Protein backbone atom coordinates (compact mmCIF):
# COMPACT_ATOMS: atom_id res chain seq x y z
CA MET A 1 0.46 4.60 49.82
CA LEU A 2 -3.21 5.90 50.69
CA LYS A 3 -2.32 9.28 52.38
CA LYS A 4 0.69 9.86 49.87
CA GLU A 5 -2.10 9.17 46.96
CA LEU A 6 -4.51 11.45 48.64
CA LYS A 7 -2.43 14.24 48.91
CA GLN A 8 -1.09 13.93 45.38
CA PHE A 9 -4.82 13.89 44.18
CA ARG A 10 -5.74 17.29 46.05
CA GLU A 11 -2.91 18.52 44.54
CA PHE A 12 -3.71 17.48 41.28
CA ARG A 13 -7.37 18.86 41.56
CA LYS A 14 -6.27 22.07 41.93
CA THR A 15 -4.87 22.53 38.51
CA PHE A 16 -6.92 20.01 36.35
CA LYS A 17 -9.89 21.91 34.71
CA PHE A 18 -13.02 19.69 34.28
CA ASN A 19 -15.06 20.15 31.35
CA GLU A 20 -18.41 19.08 32.38
CA ILE A 21 -20.34 18.23 29.31
CA LYS A 22 -24.08 18.00 30.07
CA THR A 23 -26.67 15.35 28.51
CA THR A 24 -29.48 17.26 27.01
CA GLU A 25 -33.17 15.68 26.93
CA LYS A 26 -35.66 15.63 24.15
CA ASN A 27 -38.81 13.71 23.82
CA GLY A 28 -38.04 11.92 26.89
CA ALA A 29 -34.83 10.35 25.78
CA HIS A 30 -31.23 11.80 26.92
CA PHE A 31 -28.21 12.74 24.65
CA PHE A 32 -24.55 12.91 24.91
CA GLY A 33 -24.83 15.37 21.99
CA ALA A 34 -25.91 13.18 18.99
CA GLU A 35 -25.57 9.85 20.89
CA MET A 36 -28.28 8.57 23.04
CA VAL A 37 -27.59 7.53 26.49
CA GLN A 38 -31.11 6.85 28.20
CA THR A 39 -34.16 5.84 26.46
CA LYS A 40 -37.24 7.91 26.75
CA GLU A 41 -38.15 4.13 29.05
CA GLY A 42 -35.33 5.00 31.46
CA GLU A 43 -33.11 2.34 29.53
CA LEU A 44 -29.54 2.99 29.50
CA VAL A 45 -27.04 2.96 26.85
CA SER A 46 -23.93 1.45 28.21
CA SER A 47 -21.77 3.22 26.26
CA GLY A 48 -21.16 4.93 22.53
CA LYS A 49 -18.11 7.00 20.54
CA GLY A 50 -17.41 9.44 23.20
CA PHE A 51 -18.59 8.24 26.37
CA ILE A 52 -19.48 5.57 29.26
CA ASN A 53 -22.43 5.38 31.23
CA VAL A 54 -22.14 4.22 34.65
CA GLY A 55 -25.03 2.29 35.67
CA TYR A 56 -25.01 -1.09 38.12
CA LYS A 57 -28.19 -2.32 35.78
CA ALA A 58 -25.90 -1.34 32.61
CA LYS A 59 -23.61 -3.81 30.71
CA GLY A 60 -19.89 -4.43 30.80
CA LEU A 61 -17.42 -1.90 32.21
CA SER A 62 -19.99 0.77 32.64
CA ARG A 63 -21.38 -1.78 35.42
CA THR A 64 -18.20 -2.37 37.11
CA LEU A 65 -17.81 1.36 37.53
CA SER A 66 -21.02 1.60 40.10
CA ASN A 67 -20.76 2.71 43.17
CA LEU A 68 -22.91 -0.31 44.28
CA TYR A 69 -20.39 -2.40 42.57
CA PRO A 70 -18.39 -4.99 45.33
CA TYR A 71 -15.14 -3.69 45.51
CA GLU A 72 -13.59 -4.23 49.01
CA PHE A 73 -11.44 -1.49 50.44
CA ARG A 74 -10.69 -0.34 53.98
CA PHE A 75 -12.10 3.40 54.62
CA LYS A 76 -11.29 5.36 58.08
CA GLY A 77 -10.41 2.12 59.65
CA LYS A 78 -13.26 0.54 58.43
CA ASN A 79 -14.05 -2.47 55.60
CA CYS A 80 -16.39 -1.99 53.21
CA ALA A 81 -17.90 -3.82 50.47
CA SER A 82 -18.70 -1.05 47.94
CA ILE A 83 -18.38 2.95 47.58
CA GLU A 84 -22.03 2.77 48.02
CA ALA A 85 -21.89 1.06 51.34
CA VAL A 86 -20.29 4.32 52.58
CA PHE A 87 -23.06 6.61 51.01
CA GLN A 88 -25.95 4.62 52.47
CA GLY A 89 -24.10 3.82 55.80
CA ILE A 90 -23.57 8.07 56.48
CA LYS A 91 -27.58 8.10 56.78
CA PHE A 92 -27.51 5.93 59.73
CA PRO A 93 -26.52 8.10 62.94
CA ASN A 94 -26.42 4.75 64.89
CA ARG A 95 -22.63 3.44 64.57
CA LYS A 96 -23.77 -0.53 64.86
CA GLU A 97 -26.43 0.11 62.39
CA GLN A 98 -24.09 1.94 60.05
CA ASN A 99 -21.50 -0.83 60.31
CA LEU A 100 -24.11 -3.25 59.04
CA ILE A 101 -24.61 -1.13 55.87
CA LEU A 102 -20.66 -0.92 55.71
CA LYS A 103 -20.85 -4.56 54.71
CA MET A 104 -23.01 -4.27 51.77
CA SER A 105 -23.38 -3.82 47.81
CA GLY A 106 -25.73 -3.88 45.24
CA MET A 107 -28.93 -2.68 45.16
CA ASP A 108 -29.72 -4.41 48.66
CA CYS A 109 -27.33 -1.61 49.90
CA TYR A 110 -29.10 1.15 47.97
CA TYR A 111 -32.25 0.34 49.20
CA SER A 112 -31.00 -0.26 52.91
CA LYS A 113 -31.73 3.58 53.17
CA PHE A 114 -35.41 3.24 53.59
CA ASN A 115 -34.42 1.41 56.70
CA SER A 116 -33.21 4.53 58.33
CA ASP A 117 -35.25 6.32 61.06
CA TYR A 118 -33.40 9.68 60.14
CA ASP A 119 -34.16 11.89 56.95
CA TRP A 120 -30.42 13.81 56.65
CA ARG A 121 -32.18 15.61 53.94
CA GLU A 122 -34.18 17.59 56.59
CA THR A 123 -30.98 18.54 58.46
CA GLY A 124 -28.27 18.57 55.62
CA ILE A 125 -26.33 16.45 58.08
CA VAL A 126 -24.95 13.22 57.73
CA PHE A 127 -22.62 11.08 60.19
CA TRP A 128 -19.63 9.21 59.98
CA GLN A 129 -18.96 6.68 63.11
CA GLY A 130 -21.34 8.83 65.06
CA LYS A 131 -19.75 12.25 64.24
CA PRO A 132 -21.94 14.65 62.37
CA ILE A 133 -20.63 15.97 59.05
CA ASP A 134 -22.73 18.79 57.11
CA ARG A 135 -23.20 17.85 53.82
CA HIS A 136 -22.50 20.61 52.21
CA SER A 137 -19.30 21.84 53.80
CA LYS A 138 -15.38 21.53 53.03
CA GLU A 139 -15.25 18.49 55.62
CA TYR A 140 -17.64 16.50 53.78
CA ALA A 141 -15.59 17.42 50.55
CA ASP A 142 -12.76 16.06 51.85
CA PHE A 143 -14.35 13.09 53.10
CA VAL A 144 -15.86 11.87 49.83
CA ASP A 145 -11.93 12.87 48.35
CA GLU A 146 -10.52 10.49 50.45
CA LEU A 147 -13.36 7.60 49.90
CA TYR A 148 -12.97 7.51 46.33
CA ILE A 149 -8.96 7.40 47.03
CA SER A 150 -9.43 4.34 49.54
CA ALA A 151 -11.70 2.92 46.85
CA ILE A 152 -8.98 3.34 44.07
CA GLN A 153 -6.52 0.87 46.63
CA ASN A 154 -8.39 -1.75 45.28
CA PRO A 155 -6.58 -2.85 41.88
CA LEU A 156 -9.67 -3.74 39.92
CA TYR A 157 -11.82 -0.65 41.07
CA ARG A 158 -8.35 1.38 39.66
CA LYS A 159 -8.34 -1.05 36.72
CA ALA A 160 -11.80 -0.10 35.74
CA ILE A 161 -11.22 3.85 35.75
CA LEU A 162 -8.40 3.39 33.72
CA ASN A 163 -10.31 1.32 31.46
CA THR A 164 -12.37 3.67 30.26
CA GLY A 165 -9.56 5.23 28.30
CA ASP A 166 -10.55 8.50 26.32
CA LEU A 167 -14.29 7.87 26.91
CA TYR A 168 -15.85 10.77 29.14
CA ILE A 169 -17.68 9.36 32.04
CA ILE A 170 -21.28 10.19 32.68
CA HIS A 171 -24.24 8.91 35.02
CA SER A 172 -27.81 10.08 32.91
CA LEU A 173 -29.45 8.39 36.16
CA GLY A 174 -27.87 10.99 38.38
CA ASN A 175 -30.10 13.15 40.70
CA GLU A 176 -29.01 16.99 39.91
CA ASP A 177 -30.25 17.98 43.50
CA ALA A 178 -27.45 18.05 45.76
CA LYS A 179 -29.97 18.75 49.18
CA ASP A 180 -31.97 15.53 47.94
CA THR A 181 -28.90 13.27 47.54
CA VAL A 182 -25.38 12.49 49.24
CA LEU A 183 -23.29 12.59 46.03
CA SER A 184 -24.97 14.71 42.98
CA LYS A 185 -24.90 13.83 39.30
CA ARG A 186 -22.41 16.38 38.94
CA GLU A 187 -20.02 15.94 41.86
CA TYR A 188 -20.04 11.69 40.57
CA GLU A 189 -19.10 12.53 36.69
CA THR A 190 -16.42 15.19 38.46
CA MET A 191 -15.01 12.62 40.72
CA LEU A 192 -14.89 9.80 37.94
CA ASN A 193 -13.29 11.83 35.09
CA SER A 194 -11.32 13.55 37.73
CA LEU A 195 -9.93 10.18 39.15
CA LYS A 196 -9.11 8.77 35.71
CA ALA A 197 -7.15 11.92 34.44
CA PHE A 198 -4.95 11.55 37.93
CA LEU A 199 -4.59 8.10 37.40
CA GLN A 200 -3.68 8.30 33.89
CA SER A 201 -0.67 11.12 34.75
CA LYS A 202 0.65 8.72 36.98
CA LYS A 203 1.43 5.68 34.32
């Protein structure tokens, strides 16, 4: 199922046109069109008429879409407790340390990055089970594709994505700089909206 769906997703992405809609900033607050998505104090607005704003500290469906949410799935032979576990784990060159991170979710998982002696941003290299991967390579993009397709094998995560319906999925807290994050705001929004369109096409 996984290999078949991964192949289908990659074929789907070849023709799917993602219409990126950027949020704007005014007086410290962030907006999606005319709708506020983040206050100037940094508080998230979980959803509106046209959007759902992903965030672990948000409410309802937007929280369950977060990479930090505890969805268990199997990825490349490893049991993972969340999507975030993989994104934090790849910052650890040591396999034993990485395997410990893979069992984590939530904010504990997010803050685990500060326990690594290795700063991937200095080299652009991350690791999977001891193997180096260039974060800016096609190999890494393929790695991320497989990660999310593996994650949607969890029926609850799959349903969370489908439950967004016609809403545009955004992540107002996301980092824009791909050199500073293993998944930029644009990459994240593109992935979630592409996954939703892909799953809707299969119904």
